[in-house]
Amino acid sequence: MGFRHPEFGELTLTYNILAVTAVPGLCLIGYTAMPQSSAEQALQIMGSWSASEQPAADRTHSDRDTPTTAAE
């Protein structure tokens, strides 16, 4: 399946569909890139853009469970 990104252009990804049997009609779709492809490199770069500077293991329990609002 192809996706167009404004900086990386066309990204070709494969997908898997997981049916959630407890809820009829609900499914989870996971997209992946072929190993060593330009799409994989692009996803790695984009992932680094959104990575937090604070590793998840260093966060406190309350950091993970406290919802945020638009006012914060």
N, C-alpha and C. Protein backbone atom coordinates (compact mmCIF):
# COMPACT_ATOMS: atom_id res chain seq x y z
N MET A 1 0.85 -1.16 0.00
CA MET A 1 0.00 0.00 0.00
C MET A 1 0.90 1.23 0.00
N GLY A 2 0.54 2.23 -0.75
CA GLY A 2 1.36 3.42 -0.86
C GLY A 2 0.81 4.59 -0.07
N PHE A 3 1.70 5.30 0.57
CA PHE A 3 1.37 6.53 1.28
C PHE A 3 2.29 7.62 0.77
N ARG A 4 1.80 8.83 0.70
CA ARG A 4 2.63 9.95 0.27
C ARG A 4 2.91 10.85 1.46
N HIS A 5 4.21 11.05 1.73
CA HIS A 5 4.64 11.94 2.80
C HIS A 5 5.21 13.21 2.16
N PRO A 6 4.93 14.39 2.74
CA PRO A 6 5.37 15.64 2.11
C PRO A 6 6.89 15.77 1.97
N GLU A 7 7.66 15.15 2.87
CA GLU A 7 9.12 15.26 2.77
C GLU A 7 9.78 14.04 2.15
N PHE A 8 9.20 12.85 2.35
CA PHE A 8 9.83 11.62 1.90
C PHE A 8 9.22 11.05 0.63
N GLY A 9 8.11 11.62 0.20
CA GLY A 9 7.47 11.13 -1.03
C GLY A 9 6.70 9.84 -0.79
N GLU A 10 6.68 9.00 -1.80
CA GLU A 10 5.90 7.76 -1.76
C GLU A 10 6.57 6.73 -0.85
N LEU A 11 5.80 6.22 0.12
CA LEU A 11 6.27 5.17 1.03
C LEU A 11 5.42 3.93 0.78
N THR A 12 6.06 2.83 0.45
CA THR A 12 5.34 1.59 0.22
C THR A 12 5.43 0.75 1.48
N LEU A 13 4.25 0.43 2.04
CA LEU A 13 4.18 -0.33 3.28
C LEU A 13 3.29 -1.54 3.09
N THR A 14 3.58 -2.61 3.81
CA THR A 14 2.70 -3.77 3.84
C THR A 14 1.86 -3.66 5.11
N TYR A 15 0.77 -4.40 5.16
CA TYR A 15 -0.07 -4.31 6.34
C TYR A 15 -0.62 -5.67 6.72
N ASN A 16 -0.97 -5.78 8.01
CA ASN A 16 -1.64 -6.96 8.55
C ASN A 16 -2.88 -6.48 9.28
N ILE A 17 -3.95 -7.26 9.17
CA ILE A 17 -5.20 -6.92 9.82
C ILE A 17 -5.48 -7.96 10.90
N LEU A 18 -5.72 -7.47 12.12
CA LEU A 18 -6.05 -8.34 13.24
C LEU A 18 -7.50 -8.06 13.63
N ALA A 19 -8.35 -9.06 13.49
CA ALA A 19 -9.75 -8.90 13.88
C ALA A 19 -9.86 -9.00 15.40
N VAL A 20 -10.60 -8.10 15.99
CA VAL A 20 -10.86 -8.12 17.43
C VAL A 20 -12.16 -8.90 17.61
N THR A 21 -12.03 -10.15 17.97
CA THR A 21 -13.21 -11.03 17.99
C THR A 21 -14.21 -10.66 19.08
N ALA A 22 -13.78 -9.96 20.12
CA ALA A 22 -14.70 -9.57 21.19
C ALA A 22 -15.67 -8.47 20.74
N VAL A 23 -15.30 -7.75 19.67
CA VAL A 23 -16.15 -6.67 19.17
C VAL A 23 -16.31 -6.85 17.66
N PRO A 24 -17.43 -7.40 17.23
CA PRO A 24 -17.63 -7.63 15.80
C PRO A 24 -17.45 -6.35 14.98
N GLY A 25 -16.70 -6.46 13.90
CA GLY A 25 -16.47 -5.33 13.02
C GLY A 25 -15.26 -4.49 13.37
N LEU A 26 -14.66 -4.73 14.54
CA LEU A 26 -13.49 -3.97 14.96
C LEU A 26 -12.22 -4.71 14.57
N CYS A 27 -11.24 -3.98 14.05
CA CYS A 27 -9.97 -4.60 13.69
C CYS A 27 -8.83 -3.62 13.94
N LEU A 28 -7.65 -4.16 14.05
CA LEU A 28 -6.43 -3.39 14.25
C LEU A 28 -5.56 -3.61 13.02
N ILE A 29 -5.08 -2.54 12.41
CA ILE A 29 -4.25 -2.65 11.22
C ILE A 29 -2.85 -2.17 11.56
N GLY A 30 -1.86 -3.00 11.28
CA GLY A 30 -0.46 -2.64 11.51
C GLY A 30 0.28 -2.54 10.19
N TYR A 31 1.01 -1.45 10.01
CA TYR A 31 1.76 -1.22 8.77
C TYR A 31 3.25 -1.39 9.05
N THR A 32 3.97 -2.01 8.11
CA THR A 32 5.41 -2.17 8.23
C THR A 32 6.07 -1.91 6.88
N ALA A 33 7.34 -1.59 6.94
CA ALA A 33 8.13 -1.39 5.72
C ALA A 33 9.06 -2.58 5.53
N MET A 34 9.38 -2.86 4.29
CA MET A 34 10.32 -3.93 3.99
C MET A 34 11.69 -3.58 4.58
N PRO A 35 12.41 -4.56 5.13
CA PRO A 35 13.74 -4.30 5.69
C PRO A 35 14.68 -3.68 4.65
N GLN A 36 15.45 -2.72 5.09
CA GLN A 36 16.47 -2.04 4.28
C GLN A 36 15.88 -1.29 3.08
N SER A 37 14.61 -0.93 3.15
CA SER A 37 13.99 -0.17 2.06
C SER A 37 14.05 1.32 2.39
N SER A 38 13.80 2.14 1.39
CA SER A 38 13.76 3.58 1.63
C SER A 38 12.59 3.94 2.55
N ALA A 39 11.51 3.17 2.49
CA ALA A 39 10.38 3.41 3.38
C ALA A 39 10.78 3.13 4.83
N GLU A 40 11.55 2.08 5.06
CA GLU A 40 12.01 1.77 6.42
C GLU A 40 12.90 2.89 6.94
N GLN A 41 13.80 3.39 6.11
CA GLN A 41 14.67 4.50 6.52
C GLN A 41 13.84 5.74 6.85
N ALA A 42 12.85 6.03 6.04
CA ALA A 42 11.99 7.20 6.28
C ALA A 42 11.24 7.05 7.60
N LEU A 43 10.70 5.86 7.87
CA LEU A 43 9.97 5.64 9.12
C LEU A 43 10.89 5.77 10.33
N GLN A 44 12.12 5.30 10.20
CA GLN A 44 13.08 5.44 11.30
C GLN A 44 13.38 6.91 11.58
N ILE A 45 13.54 7.68 10.53
CA ILE A 45 13.80 9.12 10.70
C ILE A 45 12.61 9.80 11.34
N MET A 46 11.40 9.51 10.83
CA MET A 46 10.20 10.12 11.40
C MET A 46 10.00 9.70 12.85
N GLY A 47 10.32 8.46 13.17
CA GLY A 47 10.22 7.99 14.55
C GLY A 47 11.17 8.72 15.47
N SER A 48 12.33 9.08 14.96
CA SER A 48 13.29 9.81 15.79
C SER A 48 12.81 11.24 16.06
N TRP A 49 12.01 11.79 15.17
CA TRP A 49 11.46 13.13 15.36
C TRP A 49 10.50 13.17 16.54
N SER A 50 9.74 12.09 16.72
CA SER A 50 8.72 12.11 17.77
C SER A 50 9.18 11.44 19.06
N ALA A 51 10.39 10.91 19.08
CA ALA A 51 10.89 10.23 20.27
C ALA A 51 11.07 11.23 21.41
N SER A 52 10.68 10.82 22.57
CA SER A 52 10.81 11.67 23.75
C SER A 52 12.27 11.71 24.18
N GLU A 53 12.69 12.83 24.73
CA GLU A 53 14.05 12.93 25.25
C GLU A 53 14.19 12.16 26.54
N GLN A 54 13.10 11.89 27.23
CA GLN A 54 13.11 11.16 28.49
C GLN A 54 12.69 9.73 28.22
N PRO A 55 13.57 8.73 28.40
CA PRO A 55 13.19 7.33 28.16
C PRO A 55 12.01 6.92 29.02
N ALA A 56 11.16 6.05 28.49
CA ALA A 56 9.96 5.61 29.20
C ALA A 56 10.29 5.00 30.56
N ALA A 57 11.41 4.29 30.67
CA ALA A 57 11.79 3.66 31.93
C ALA A 57 12.07 4.68 33.02
N ASP A 58 12.41 5.93 32.65
CA ASP A 58 12.71 6.97 33.62
C ASP A 58 11.48 7.73 34.09
N ARG A 59 10.34 7.53 33.45
CA ARG A 59 9.14 8.25 33.83
C ARG A 59 8.56 7.65 35.10
N THR A 60 7.92 8.46 35.90
CA THR A 60 7.27 7.94 37.10
C THR A 60 5.93 7.35 36.73
N HIS A 61 5.37 6.56 37.62
CA HIS A 61 4.07 5.94 37.39
C HIS A 61 3.01 7.01 37.13
N SER A 62 3.06 8.09 37.87
CA SER A 62 2.05 9.13 37.70
C SER A 62 2.17 9.84 36.36
N ASP A 63 3.38 9.92 35.79
CA ASP A 63 3.56 10.53 34.48
C ASP A 63 2.80 9.76 33.41
N ARG A 64 2.78 8.44 33.51
CA ARG A 64 2.14 7.61 32.50
C ARG A 64 0.62 7.62 32.63
N ASP A 65 0.12 7.78 33.85
CA ASP A 65 -1.30 7.62 34.08
C ASP A 65 -2.07 8.93 34.19
N THR A 66 -1.40 10.06 34.09
CA THR A 66 -2.08 11.34 34.21
C THR A 66 -2.48 11.84 32.83
N PRO A 67 -3.79 11.97 32.59
CA PRO A 67 -4.21 12.47 31.26
C PRO A 67 -3.84 13.94 31.12
N THR A 68 -3.60 14.34 29.90
CA THR A 68 -3.32 15.74 29.62
C THR A 68 -4.53 16.36 28.96
N THR A 69 -4.64 17.67 29.08
CA THR A 69 -5.73 18.39 28.43
C THR A 69 -5.15 19.46 27.54
N ALA A 70 -5.98 20.02 26.70
CA ALA A 70 -5.53 21.07 25.79
C ALA A 70 -5.07 22.30 26.56
N ALA A 71 -5.56 22.49 27.78
CA ALA A 71 -5.20 23.67 28.57
C ALA A 71 -3.80 23.56 29.15
N GLU A 72 -3.25 22.35 29.22
CA GLU A 72 -1.93 22.19 29.81
C GLU A 72 -0.82 22.61 28.89
